[in-house]
Amino acid sequence: MRIIVITQGVSRIVPPLLNSKHEIVGIIESAPRNYNKKIKIFRIKRVFRWLFSIFFSGGCTLKMVCKYSSIPYRFMKSCDDEGLEAWLREKHPDVIVVFSMSQLLKKSIFNIPKLGTINLHPSFLPEYRGPNPDLWQYINMEEYPGATVHYVDEGEDTGDIIFQDRVNIPIGTKSPERLDQLVGKLGVSLILKALNAIELGHAPRVKQPMESPTSRARNLHLDEHKTVIDWENWPVERVWHVLRGTELWLNAIPQPSGVFRGQRWTIDNYDACSRDTDIPGKIYRIHRRKYVAAAGGRIFLSIDFRIKRMILGFVKHA
């Protein structure tokens, strides 16, 4: 079939789809959330970002992948982009495959392919509808999260389900490894299975309940990062699980400063033996090791120093 992919960056679904039997006739890169609200940066910061992209990017951009594979590429700021609908129609797609998109598609867009538009959502729908299921599944200590491939409709992750399944992910698994299992393995297999079923004309369509058993998996506001953990009541294992899983982006504890500005804490093991004098949520040092205190224990921290983080930290605060 003729497939168009909509995603952000070289996501985990891109290589498998490029290597599938289907013809990828176009790839659309969705802009990150609040793309149009970003403040213009100073010239010197643009120079540093350009140098960083050359020497420290560590991989190809989605645009580069498309160029090397001779696949038409388009960057999408919003569904209202001038010429977007015409660009899609001229590709004559049978199916649009969506994953990791920062906005909802309009009906005029998702109705273009004759066989429908499908989306991979990293939860067992109708659980955790919304843009950030990863965070809330960590908070709720979901040991058997799921992935769902569903048709796109006008709602938020409410379309008819094609295939879904669950997978066991142990407590304390960090986000990249978790997504490798949930998206890279389970999710990709469900996408390919769904595409084959659509091509053969017998893809299931299971309607979802109107209500979700969980609250909307929303994104956090910046000022909520420091309040998302209940330091006084959560046991140390739960705090450790959340901090460890979200160590790349959640700012629930103060990040390194001084000469280590721009680095992030690596969440190591935890100790169930705590000291009564420790204040939960505060960082301490013992035997040359740092730890954050939690109710009933302490969580050890270290720094995985990386030059590119140092440069990014400088650029961010320049």
C-alpha atoms as a PDB file:
ATOM      1  CA  MET A   1       0.000   0.000   0.000  1.00  0.00           C
ATOM      2  CA  ARG A   2       0.938   3.663  -0.355  1.00  0.00           C
ATOM      3  CA  ILE A   3       1.697   4.997   3.118  1.00  0.00           C
ATOM      4  CA  ILE A   4       2.268   8.485   4.496  1.00  0.00           C
ATOM      5  CA  VAL A   5       3.868   8.727   7.943  1.00  0.00           C
ATOM      6  CA  ILE A   6       3.312  11.600  10.381  1.00  0.00           C
ATOM      7  CA  THR A   7       5.672  11.648  13.358  1.00  0.00           C
ATOM      8  CA  GLN A   8       8.266  13.693  15.255  1.00  0.00           C
ATOM      9  CA  GLY A   9      11.917  13.069  14.460  1.00  0.00           C
ATOM     10  CA  VAL A  10      13.303   9.652  13.577  1.00  0.00           C
ATOM     11  CA  SER A  11      10.875   7.913  15.909  1.00  0.00           C
ATOM     12  CA  ARG A  12      10.896   4.191  16.629  1.00  0.00           C
ATOM     13  CA  ILE A  13       8.326   3.462  13.909  1.00  0.00           C
ATOM     14  CA  VAL A  14      10.276   5.038  11.026  1.00  0.00           C
ATOM     15  CA  PRO A  15      12.950   2.377  10.276  1.00  0.00           C
ATOM     16  CA  PRO A  16      10.508  -0.578  10.466  1.00  0.00           C
ATOM     17  CA  LEU A  17       8.055   1.121   8.116  1.00  0.00           C
ATOM     18  CA  LEU A  18      10.827   2.020   5.671  1.00  0.00           C
ATOM     19  CA  ASN A  19      11.844  -1.653   5.686  1.00  0.00           C
ATOM     20  CA  SER A  20       8.292  -2.979   5.329  1.00  0.00           C
ATOM     21  CA  LYS A  21       6.681  -4.214   2.132  1.00  0.00           C
ATOM     22  CA  HIS A  22       4.634  -1.010   1.872  1.00  0.00           C
ATOM     23  CA  GLU A  23       5.628   2.047  -0.169  1.00  0.00           C
ATOM     24  CA  ILE A  24       6.302   5.154   1.917  1.00  0.00           C
ATOM     25  CA  VAL A  25       5.202   7.951  -0.419  1.00  0.00           C
ATOM     26  CA  GLY A  26       5.735  10.813   2.006  1.00  0.00           C
ATOM     27  CA  ILE A  27       6.777  11.671   5.552  1.00  0.00           C
ATOM     28  CA  ILE A  28       5.456  14.640   7.504  1.00  0.00           C
ATOM     29  CA  GLU A  29       7.362  15.861  10.540  1.00  0.00           C
ATOM     30  CA  SER A  30       5.018  17.323  13.126  1.00  0.00           C
ATOM     31  CA  ALA A  31       6.278  20.421  14.919  1.00  0.00           C
ATOM     32  CA  PRO A  32       6.785  20.117  18.684  1.00  0.00           C
ATOM     33  CA  ARG A  33       4.125  21.459  21.016  1.00  0.00           C
ATOM     34  CA  ASN A  34       3.947  25.262  21.272  1.00  0.00           C
ATOM     35  CA  TYR A  35       6.218  25.591  18.230  1.00  0.00           C
ATOM     36  CA  ASN A  36       4.771  28.968  17.200  1.00  0.00           C
ATOM     37  CA  LYS A  37       5.022  30.354  20.737  1.00  0.00           C
ATOM     38  CA  LYS A  38       8.779  29.983  21.030  1.00  0.00           C
ATOM     39  CA  ILE A  39      10.695  33.225  21.430  1.00  0.00           C
ATOM     40  CA  LYS A  40      13.202  34.045  18.718  1.00  0.00           C
ATOM     41  CA  ILE A  41      16.729  33.378  19.918  1.00  0.00           C
ATOM     42  CA  PHE A  42      19.700  35.724  19.623  1.00  0.00           C
ATOM     43  CA  ARG A  43      22.130  35.328  16.725  1.00  0.00           C
ATOM     44  CA  ILE A  44      24.928  33.938  18.945  1.00  0.00           C
ATOM     45  CA  LYS A  45      22.587  31.221  20.251  1.00  0.00           C
ATOM     46  CA  ARG A  46      21.684  30.271  16.686  1.00  0.00           C
ATOM     47  CA  VAL A  47      25.393  29.928  15.903  1.00  0.00           C
ATOM     48  CA  PHE A  48      25.968  27.661  18.900  1.00  0.00           C
ATOM     49  CA  ARG A  49      22.936  25.527  18.032  1.00  0.00           C
ATOM     50  CA  TRP A  50      24.206  25.190  14.471  1.00  0.00           C
ATOM     51  CA  LEU A  51      27.648  24.084  15.683  1.00  0.00           C
ATOM     52  CA  PHE A  52      26.018  21.656  18.125  1.00  0.00           C
ATOM     53  CA  SER A  53      23.909  20.107  15.380  1.00  0.00           C
ATOM     54  CA  ILE A  54      27.030  19.548  13.271  1.00  0.00           C
ATOM     55  CA  PHE A  55      29.351  18.057  15.875  1.00  0.00           C
ATOM     56  CA  PHE A  56      27.111  16.569  18.585  1.00  0.00           C
ATOM     57  CA  SER A  57      23.773  15.559  17.041  1.00  0.00           C
ATOM     58  CA  GLY A  58      24.715  11.866  17.142  1.00  0.00           C
ATOM     59  CA  GLY A  59      22.391  10.863  14.333  1.00  0.00           C
ATOM     60  CA  CYS A  60      20.342  11.812  11.289  1.00  0.00           C
ATOM     61  CA  THR A  61      17.361  14.121  11.268  1.00  0.00           C
ATOM     62  CA  LEU A  62      14.081  12.938   9.773  1.00  0.00           C
ATOM     63  CA  LYS A  63      14.636  15.298   6.847  1.00  0.00           C
ATOM     64  CA  MET A  64      18.016  13.685   6.190  1.00  0.00           C
ATOM     65  CA  VAL A  65      16.498  10.195   6.301  1.00  0.00           C
ATOM     66  CA  CYS A  66      13.920  11.257   3.717  1.00  0.00           C
ATOM     67  CA  LYS A  67      16.603  12.772   1.497  1.00  0.00           C
ATOM     68  CA  TYR A  68      18.739   9.621   1.598  1.00  0.00           C
ATOM     69  CA  SER A  69      15.678   7.443   0.908  1.00  0.00           C
ATOM     70  CA  SER A  70      14.271   9.737  -1.831  1.00  0.00           C
ATOM     71  CA  ILE A  71      11.011  10.173   0.074  1.00  0.00           C
ATOM     72  CA  PRO A  72       9.079  13.474  -0.110  1.00  0.00           C
ATOM     73  CA  TYR A  73       9.397  15.351   3.205  1.00  0.00           C
ATOM     74  CA  ARG A  74       7.259  18.114   4.679  1.00  0.00           C
ATOM     75  CA  PHE A  75       7.479  19.964   7.989  1.00  0.00           C
ATOM     76  CA  MET A  76       4.057  20.677   9.470  1.00  0.00           C
ATOM     77  CA  LYS A  77       3.575  23.557  11.897  1.00  0.00           C
ATOM     78  CA  SER A  78      -0.164  22.936  12.136  1.00  0.00           C
ATOM     79  CA  CYS A  79      -3.015  21.252  10.310  1.00  0.00           C
ATOM     80  CA  ASP A  80      -3.853  24.658   8.825  1.00  0.00           C
ATOM     81  CA  ASP A  81      -0.545  24.931   6.952  1.00  0.00           C
ATOM     82  CA  GLU A  82      -1.095  26.349   3.490  1.00  0.00           C
ATOM     83  CA  GLY A  83      -0.848  23.652   0.858  1.00  0.00           C
ATOM     84  CA  LEU A  84      -0.789  20.726   3.325  1.00  0.00           C
ATOM     85  CA  GLU A  85      -4.046  19.176   2.156  1.00  0.00           C
ATOM     86  CA  ALA A  86      -3.060  19.510  -1.508  1.00  0.00           C
ATOM     87  CA  TRP A  87       0.369  17.990  -0.769  1.00  0.00           C
ATOM     88  CA  LEU A  88      -1.290  14.997   0.844  1.00  0.00           C
ATOM     89  CA  ARG A  89      -3.859  14.504  -1.896  1.00  0.00           C
ATOM     90  CA  GLU A  90      -1.276  14.496  -4.663  1.00  0.00           C
ATOM     91  CA  LYS A  91       0.481  11.565  -2.951  1.00  0.00           C
ATOM     92  CA  HIS A  92      -2.699   9.414  -3.211  1.00  0.00           C
ATOM     93  CA  PRO A  93      -2.085   7.560   0.071  1.00  0.00           C
ATOM     94  CA  ASP A  94      -3.977   4.410   0.947  1.00  0.00           C
ATOM     95  CA  VAL A  95      -3.248   4.894   4.665  1.00  0.00           C
ATOM     96  CA  ILE A  96      -1.742   7.572   6.903  1.00  0.00           C
ATOM     97  CA  VAL A  97       0.196   6.244   9.912  1.00  0.00           C
ATOM     98  CA  VAL A  98       0.538   8.594  12.886  1.00  0.00           C
ATOM     99  CA  PHE A  99       2.763   8.346  15.954  1.00  0.00           C
ATOM    100  CA  SER A 100       4.000  11.010  18.375  1.00  0.00           C
ATOM    101  CA  MET A 101       2.123  13.994  16.999  1.00  0.00           C
ATOM    102  CA  SER A 102       1.702  17.209  18.975  1.00  0.00           C
ATOM    103  CA  GLN A 103      -1.756  18.114  17.659  1.00  0.00           C
ATOM    104  CA  LEU A 104      -5.013  16.539  16.541  1.00  0.00           C
ATOM    105  CA  LEU A 105      -5.602  15.990  12.831  1.00  0.00           C
ATOM    106  CA  LYS A 106      -8.596  17.656  11.241  1.00  0.00           C
ATOM    107  CA  LYS A 107     -11.273  15.627   9.511  1.00  0.00           C
ATOM    108  CA  SER A 108     -10.307  17.128   6.153  1.00  0.00           C
ATOM    109  CA  ILE A 109      -6.855  15.591   6.633  1.00  0.00           C
ATOM    110  CA  PHE A 110      -7.500  12.198   8.201  1.00  0.00           C
ATOM    111  CA  ASN A 111     -10.240  11.443   5.679  1.00  0.00           C
ATOM    112  CA  ILE A 112      -7.895  11.813   2.683  1.00  0.00           C
ATOM    113  CA  PRO A 113      -6.559   8.211   2.519  1.00  0.00           C
ATOM    114  CA  LYS A 114      -9.145   5.825   1.117  1.00  0.00           C
ATOM    115  CA  LEU A 115      -8.422   3.165   3.747  1.00  0.00           C
ATOM    116  CA  GLY A 116      -8.215   5.493   6.724  1.00  0.00           C
ATOM    117  CA  THR A 117      -5.731   7.099   9.085  1.00  0.00           C
ATOM    118  CA  ILE A 118      -4.371   5.052  11.976  1.00  0.00           C
ATOM    119  CA  ASN A 119      -2.494   6.070  15.123  1.00  0.00           C
ATOM    120  CA  LEU A 120      -0.203   4.242  17.523  1.00  0.00           C
ATOM    121  CA  HIS A 121      -0.908   5.278  21.117  1.00  0.00           C
ATOM    122  CA  PRO A 122       1.390   3.936  23.868  1.00  0.00           C
ATOM    123  CA  SER A 123      -1.338   2.848  26.271  1.00  0.00           C
ATOM    124  CA  PHE A 124      -4.067   0.237  26.442  1.00  0.00           C
ATOM    125  CA  LEU A 125      -6.943   2.464  25.318  1.00  0.00           C
ATOM    126  CA  PRO A 126      -9.250   3.796  26.629  1.00  0.00           C
ATOM    127  CA  GLU A 127      -6.685   4.067  29.448  1.00  0.00           C
ATOM    128  CA  TYR A 128      -4.421   7.125  29.450  1.00  0.00           C
ATOM    129  CA  ARG A 129      -5.842   9.093  26.559  1.00  0.00           C
ATOM    130  CA  GLY A 130      -3.845  12.241  25.933  1.00  0.00           C
ATOM    131  CA  PRO A 131      -0.399  13.520  24.952  1.00  0.00           C
ATOM    132  CA  ASN A 132       1.686  12.170  27.860  1.00  0.00           C
ATOM    133  CA  PRO A 133       0.690   8.623  28.859  1.00  0.00           C
ATOM    134  CA  ASP A 134       4.298   7.775  29.789  1.00  0.00           C
ATOM    135  CA  LEU A 135       4.399  10.167  32.750  1.00  0.00           C
ATOM    136  CA  TRP A 136       1.099   9.079  34.260  1.00  0.00           C
ATOM    137  CA  GLN A 137       1.826   5.392  33.819  1.00  0.00           C
ATOM    138  CA  TYR A 138       5.064   5.937  35.744  1.00  0.00           C
ATOM    139  CA  ILE A 139       3.201   7.835  38.465  1.00  0.00           C
ATOM    140  CA  ASN A 140       0.631   5.034  38.783  1.00  0.00           C
ATOM    141  CA  MET A 141       3.336   2.330  38.660  1.00  0.00           C
ATOM    142  CA  GLU A 142       1.773   0.509  35.729  1.00  0.00           C
ATOM    143  CA  GLU A 143       3.640  -2.795  35.402  1.00  0.00           C
ATOM    144  CA  TYR A 144       1.537  -3.995  32.459  1.00  0.00           C
ATOM    145  CA  PRO A 145       1.106  -0.986  30.165  1.00  0.00           C
ATOM    146  CA  GLY A 146      -0.103  -1.479  26.648  1.00  0.00           C
ATOM    147  CA  ALA A 147      -0.052  -0.116  23.125  1.00  0.00           C
ATOM    148  CA  THR A 148      -2.999   0.441  20.815  1.00  0.00           C
ATOM    149  CA  VAL A 149      -3.372   0.964  17.075  1.00  0.00           C
ATOM    150  CA  HIS A 150      -6.660   2.699  16.324  1.00  0.00           C
ATOM    151  CA  TYR A 151      -8.387   4.631  13.580  1.00  0.00           C
ATOM    152  CA  VAL A 152      -8.171   8.408  13.932  1.00  0.00           C
ATOM    153  CA  ASP A 153     -11.407  10.313  14.443  1.00  0.00           C
ATOM    154  CA  GLU A 154     -12.186  13.839  15.654  1.00  0.00           C
ATOM    155  CA  GLY A 155     -11.611  12.959  19.308  1.00  0.00           C
ATOM    156  CA  GLU A 156      -8.420  12.553  21.316  1.00  0.00           C
ATOM    157  CA  ASP A 157      -7.409   8.871  21.074  1.00  0.00           C
ATOM    158  CA  THR A 158     -11.067   7.851  20.811  1.00  0.00           C
ATOM    159  CA  GLY A 159     -11.192   6.128  17.405  1.00  0.00           C
ATOM    160  CA  ASP A 160     -12.114   2.502  16.780  1.00  0.00           C
ATOM    161  CA  ILE A 161      -9.454   0.061  17.982  1.00  0.00           C
ATOM    162  CA  ILE A 162      -7.798  -2.226  15.452  1.00  0.00           C
ATOM    163  CA  PHE A 163      -5.297  -4.101  17.636  1.00  0.00           C
ATOM    164  CA  GLN A 164      -3.905  -3.683  21.145  1.00  0.00           C
ATOM    165  CA  ASP A 165      -1.910  -5.671  23.658  1.00  0.00           C
ATOM    166  CA  ARG A 166      -0.085  -5.372  26.972  1.00  0.00           C
ATOM    167  CA  VAL A 167       3.509  -6.069  27.947  1.00  0.00           C
ATOM    168  CA  ASN A 168       5.204  -6.474  31.324  1.00  0.00           C
ATOM    169  CA  ILE A 169       7.750  -3.741  32.067  1.00  0.00           C
ATOM    170  CA  PRO A 170       9.524  -4.109  35.440  1.00  0.00           C
ATOM    171  CA  ILE A 171       9.482  -1.348  38.037  1.00  0.00           C
ATOM    172  CA  GLY A 172      12.463   0.977  37.649  1.00  0.00           C
ATOM    173  CA  THR A 173      12.820   0.589  33.875  1.00  0.00           C
ATOM    174  CA  LYS A 174      14.053   3.865  32.416  1.00  0.00           C
ATOM    175  CA  SER A 175      12.082   5.657  29.722  1.00  0.00           C
ATOM    176  CA  PRO A 176      14.246   4.819  26.662  1.00  0.00           C
ATOM    177  CA  GLU A 177      14.271   1.097  27.489  1.00  0.00           C
ATOM    178  CA  ARG A 178      10.556   1.217  28.306  1.00  0.00           C
ATOM    179  CA  LEU A 179       9.737   2.805  24.946  1.00  0.00           C
ATOM    180  CA  ASP A 180      11.970   0.308  23.157  1.00  0.00           C
ATOM    181  CA  GLN A 181       9.690  -2.432  24.476  1.00  0.00           C
ATOM    182  CA  LEU A 182       6.354  -0.619  24.378  1.00  0.00           C
ATOM    183  CA  VAL A 183       6.752   1.185  21.034  1.00  0.00           C
ATOM    184  CA  GLY A 184       9.774  -0.304  19.260  1.00  0.00           C
ATOM    185  CA  LYS A 185       8.682  -3.906  19.740  1.00  0.00           C
ATOM    186  CA  LEU A 186       4.998  -4.151  20.699  1.00  0.00           C
ATOM    187  CA  GLY A 187       3.774  -0.977  18.990  1.00  0.00           C
ATOM    188  CA  VAL A 188       5.594  -1.552  15.720  1.00  0.00           C
ATOM    189  CA  SER A 189       4.353  -5.156  15.544  1.00  0.00           C
ATOM    190  CA  LEU A 190       0.777  -3.901  16.030  1.00  0.00           C
ATOM    191  CA  ILE A 191       1.185  -1.285  13.275  1.00  0.00           C
ATOM    192  CA  LEU A 192       2.480  -3.837  10.768  1.00  0.00           C
ATOM    193  CA  LYS A 193      -0.245  -6.292  11.775  1.00  0.00           C
ATOM    194  CA  ALA A 194      -2.885  -3.581  11.338  1.00  0.00           C
ATOM    195  CA  LEU A 195      -1.553  -2.545   7.921  1.00  0.00           C
ATOM    196  CA  ASN A 196      -1.645  -6.150   6.725  1.00  0.00           C
ATOM    197  CA  ALA A 197      -5.220  -6.540   7.984  1.00  0.00           C
ATOM    198  CA  ILE A 198      -6.275  -3.278   6.314  1.00  0.00           C
ATOM    199  CA  GLU A 199      -4.679  -4.351   3.050  1.00  0.00           C
ATOM    200  CA  LEU A 200      -6.570  -7.668   3.148  1.00  0.00           C
ATOM    201  CA  GLY A 201      -9.826  -5.923   4.014  1.00  0.00           C
ATOM    202  CA  HIS A 202     -10.488  -7.546   7.384  1.00  0.00           C
ATOM    203  CA  ALA A 203      -9.127  -5.083   9.947  1.00  0.00           C
ATOM    204  CA  PRO A 204     -11.233  -5.104  13.158  1.00  0.00           C
ATOM    205  CA  ARG A 205     -13.055  -1.960  14.300  1.00  0.00           C
ATOM    206  CA  VAL A 206     -13.819  -2.127  18.017  1.00  0.00           C
ATOM    207  CA  LYS A 207     -15.594   0.940  19.352  1.00  0.00           C
ATOM    208  CA  GLN A 208     -14.150   2.471  22.501  1.00  0.00           C
ATOM    209  CA  PRO A 209     -16.171   3.386  25.603  1.00  0.00           C
ATOM    210  CA  MET A 210     -17.019   7.059  25.866  1.00  0.00           C
ATOM    211  CA  GLU A 211     -15.281   7.405  29.223  1.00  0.00           C
ATOM    212  CA  SER A 212     -11.730   6.462  30.182  1.00  0.00           C
ATOM    213  CA  PRO A 213     -11.015   4.686  33.501  1.00  0.00           C
ATOM    214  CA  THR A 214      -8.061   7.059  34.002  1.00  0.00           C
ATOM    215  CA  SER A 215      -7.731  10.824  34.025  1.00  0.00           C
ATOM    216  CA  ARG A 216      -6.506  12.529  30.865  1.00  0.00           C
ATOM    217  CA  ALA A 217      -2.780  11.952  30.383  1.00  0.00           C
ATOM    218  CA  ARG A 218      -1.986  15.636  30.091  1.00  0.00           C
ATOM    219  CA  ASN A 219       1.333  17.410  29.925  1.00  0.00           C
ATOM    220  CA  LEU A 220       2.596  19.157  33.031  1.00  0.00           C
ATOM    221  CA  HIS A 221       3.004  22.896  33.359  1.00  0.00           C
ATOM    222  CA  LEU A 222       6.568  23.908  34.230  1.00  0.00           C
ATOM    223  CA  ASP A 223       5.578  24.879  37.770  1.00  0.00           C
ATOM    224  CA  GLU A 224       4.051  21.427  38.350  1.00  0.00           C
ATOM    225  CA  HIS A 225       7.299  19.505  37.972  1.00  0.00           C
ATOM    226  CA  LYS A 226       8.285  20.166  41.573  1.00  0.00           C
ATOM    227  CA  THR A 227       4.882  19.173  42.982  1.00  0.00           C
ATOM    228  CA  VAL A 228       4.084  15.999  41.016  1.00  0.00           C
ATOM    229  CA  ILE A 229       5.700  13.739  43.662  1.00  0.00           C
ATOM    230  CA  ASP A 230       4.020  13.338  47.061  1.00  0.00           C
ATOM    231  CA  TRP A 231       7.233  13.295  49.085  1.00  0.00           C
ATOM    232  CA  GLU A 232       5.562  12.827  52.451  1.00  0.00           C
ATOM    233  CA  ASN A 233       3.327   9.876  51.556  1.00  0.00           C
ATOM    234  CA  TRP A 234       4.794   7.957  48.638  1.00  0.00           C
ATOM    235  CA  PRO A 235       7.057   5.034  49.611  1.00  0.00           C
ATOM    236  CA  VAL A 236      10.660   5.267  48.475  1.00  0.00           C
ATOM    237  CA  GLU A 237      10.192   2.635  45.740  1.00  0.00           C
ATOM    238  CA  ARG A 238       7.449   4.671  44.040  1.00  0.00           C
ATOM    239  CA  VAL A 239       9.484   7.889  44.165  1.00  0.00           C
ATOM    240  CA  TRP A 240      12.540   6.028  42.822  1.00  0.00           C
ATOM    241  CA  HIS A 241      10.460   4.495  40.014  1.00  0.00           C
ATOM    242  CA  VAL A 242       9.110   7.890  38.883  1.00  0.00           C
ATOM    243  CA  LEU A 243      12.446   9.714  39.151  1.00  0.00           C
ATOM    244  CA  ARG A 244      14.342   6.916  37.425  1.00  0.00           C
ATOM    245  CA  GLY A 245      11.854   6.587  34.591  1.00  0.00           C
ATOM    246  CA  THR A 246      11.683  10.314  33.896  1.00  0.00           C
ATOM    247  CA  GLU A 247      15.304  11.267  34.667  1.00  0.00           C
ATOM    248  CA  LEU A 248      15.819  12.771  31.191  1.00  0.00           C
ATOM    249  CA  TRP A 249      13.092  15.399  31.447  1.00  0.00           C
ATOM    250  CA  LEU A 250      11.176  15.629  34.755  1.00  0.00           C
ATOM    251  CA  ASN A 251      12.483  18.369  37.058  1.00  0.00           C
ATOM    252  CA  ALA A 252      11.015  17.087  40.313  1.00  0.00           C
ATOM    253  CA  ILE A 253      14.343  17.666  42.093  1.00  0.00           C
ATOM    254  CA  PRO A 254      16.938  20.424  41.582  1.00  0.00           C
ATOM    255  CA  GLN A 255      19.306  19.472  38.782  1.00  0.00           C
ATOM    256  CA  PRO A 256      23.117  19.876  39.053  1.00  0.00           C
ATOM    257  CA  SER A 257      24.452  23.416  39.104  1.00  0.00           C
ATOM    258  CA  GLY A 258      27.804  25.189  39.037  1.00  0.00           C
ATOM    259  CA  VAL A 259      30.387  23.490  36.829  1.00  0.00           C
ATOM    260  CA  PHE A 260      27.832  20.722  36.187  1.00  0.00           C
ATOM    261  CA  ARG A 261      25.184  23.109  34.920  1.00  0.00           C
ATOM    262  CA  GLY A 262      23.278  21.557  32.017  1.00  0.00           C
ATOM    263  CA  GLN A 263      23.916  18.001  33.223  1.00  0.00           C
ATOM    264  CA  ARG A 264      21.139  15.859  34.681  1.00  0.00           C
ATOM    265  CA  TRP A 265      21.059  13.488  37.614  1.00  0.00           C
ATOM    266  CA  THR A 266      21.272   9.799  36.873  1.00  0.00           C
ATOM    267  CA  ILE A 267      18.965   7.917  39.222  1.00  0.00           C
ATOM    268  CA  ASP A 268      20.830   4.961  40.687  1.00  0.00           C
ATOM    269  CA  ASN A 269      19.671   2.440  43.297  1.00  0.00           C
ATOM    270  CA  TYR A 270      17.719   3.208  46.468  1.00  0.00           C
ATOM    271  CA  ASP A 271      18.127   2.281  50.116  1.00  0.00           C
ATOM    272  CA  ALA A 272      15.095   1.512  52.278  1.00  0.00           C
ATOM    273  CA  CYS A 273      16.919   2.688  55.416  1.00  0.00           C
ATOM    274  CA  SER A 274      16.374   6.390  56.000  1.00  0.00           C
ATOM    275  CA  ARG A 275      17.455   8.886  58.633  1.00  0.00           C
ATOM    276  CA  ASP A 276      14.817  10.663  60.700  1.00  0.00           C
ATOM    277  CA  THR A 277      16.622  13.969  60.259  1.00  0.00           C
ATOM    278  CA  ASP A 278      16.313  13.894  56.449  1.00  0.00           C
ATOM    279  CA  ILE A 279      13.672  16.056  54.779  1.00  0.00           C
ATOM    280  CA  PRO A 280      11.935  14.211  51.884  1.00  0.00           C
ATOM    281  CA  GLY A 281      12.739  15.832  48.560  1.00  0.00           C
ATOM    282  CA  LYS A 282      15.993  17.409  49.754  1.00  0.00           C
ATOM    283  CA  ILE A 283      19.393  16.361  48.372  1.00  0.00           C
ATOM    284  CA  TYR A 284      22.116  15.257  50.811  1.00  0.00           C
ATOM    285  CA  ARG A 285      25.649  13.855  50.656  1.00  0.00           C
ATOM    286  CA  ILE A 286      26.940  10.774  52.460  1.00  0.00           C
ATOM    287  CA  HIS A 287      30.299   9.036  51.960  1.00  0.00           C
ATOM    288  CA  ARG A 288      30.951  11.167  48.839  1.00  0.00           C
ATOM    289  CA  ARG A 289      27.633  10.084  47.321  1.00  0.00           C
ATOM    290  CA  LYS A 290      24.627  12.290  46.844  1.00  0.00           C
ATOM    291  CA  TYR A 291      21.085  11.146  47.452  1.00  0.00           C
ATOM    292  CA  VAL A 292      17.589  12.561  47.606  1.00  0.00           C
ATOM    293  CA  ALA A 293      15.639  11.726  50.737  1.00  0.00           C
ATOM    294  CA  ALA A 294      12.235  10.064  50.470  1.00  0.00           C
ATOM    295  CA  ALA A 295       9.717   8.712  52.951  1.00  0.00           C
ATOM    296  CA  GLY A 296      11.275   5.494  54.248  1.00  0.00           C
ATOM    297  CA  GLY A 297      14.463   5.641  52.226  1.00  0.00           C
ATOM    298  CA  ARG A 298      16.979   7.485  50.125  1.00  0.00           C
ATOM    299  CA  ILE A 299      17.640   7.459  46.373  1.00  0.00           C
ATOM    300  CA  PHE A 300      21.235   7.729  45.227  1.00  0.00           C
ATOM    301  CA  LEU A 301      22.256  10.149  42.474  1.00  0.00           C
ATOM    302  CA  SER A 302      25.221  10.414  40.130  1.00  0.00           C
ATOM    303  CA  ILE A 303      26.178  12.492  37.093  1.00  0.00           C
ATOM    304  CA  ASP A 304      26.806  10.991  33.685  1.00  0.00           C
ATOM    305  CA  PHE A 305      28.841  13.937  32.405  1.00  0.00           C
ATOM    306  CA  ARG A 306      28.371  14.680  28.707  1.00  0.00           C
ATOM    307  CA  ILE A 307      29.986  17.526  26.790  1.00  0.00           C
ATOM    308  CA  LYS A 308      26.950  18.058  24.583  1.00  0.00           C
ATOM    309  CA  ARG A 309      24.803  18.656  27.676  1.00  0.00           C
ATOM    310  CA  MET A 310      27.315  21.229  28.893  1.00  0.00           C
ATOM    311  CA  ILE A 311      27.121  23.032  25.541  1.00  0.00           C
ATOM    312  CA  LEU A 312      23.315  22.901  25.521  1.00  0.00           C
ATOM    313  CA  GLY A 313      23.248  24.263  29.054  1.00  0.00           C
ATOM    314  CA  PHE A 314      25.449  27.163  27.998  1.00  0.00           C
ATOM    315  CA  VAL A 315      23.318  27.870  24.906  1.00  0.00           C
ATOM    316  CA  LYS A 316      20.109  27.731  26.924  1.00  0.00           C
ATOM    317  CA  HIS A 317      21.305  30.266  29.472  1.00  0.00           C
ATOM    318  CA  ALA A 318      23.350  32.476  27.130  1.00  0.00           C
END
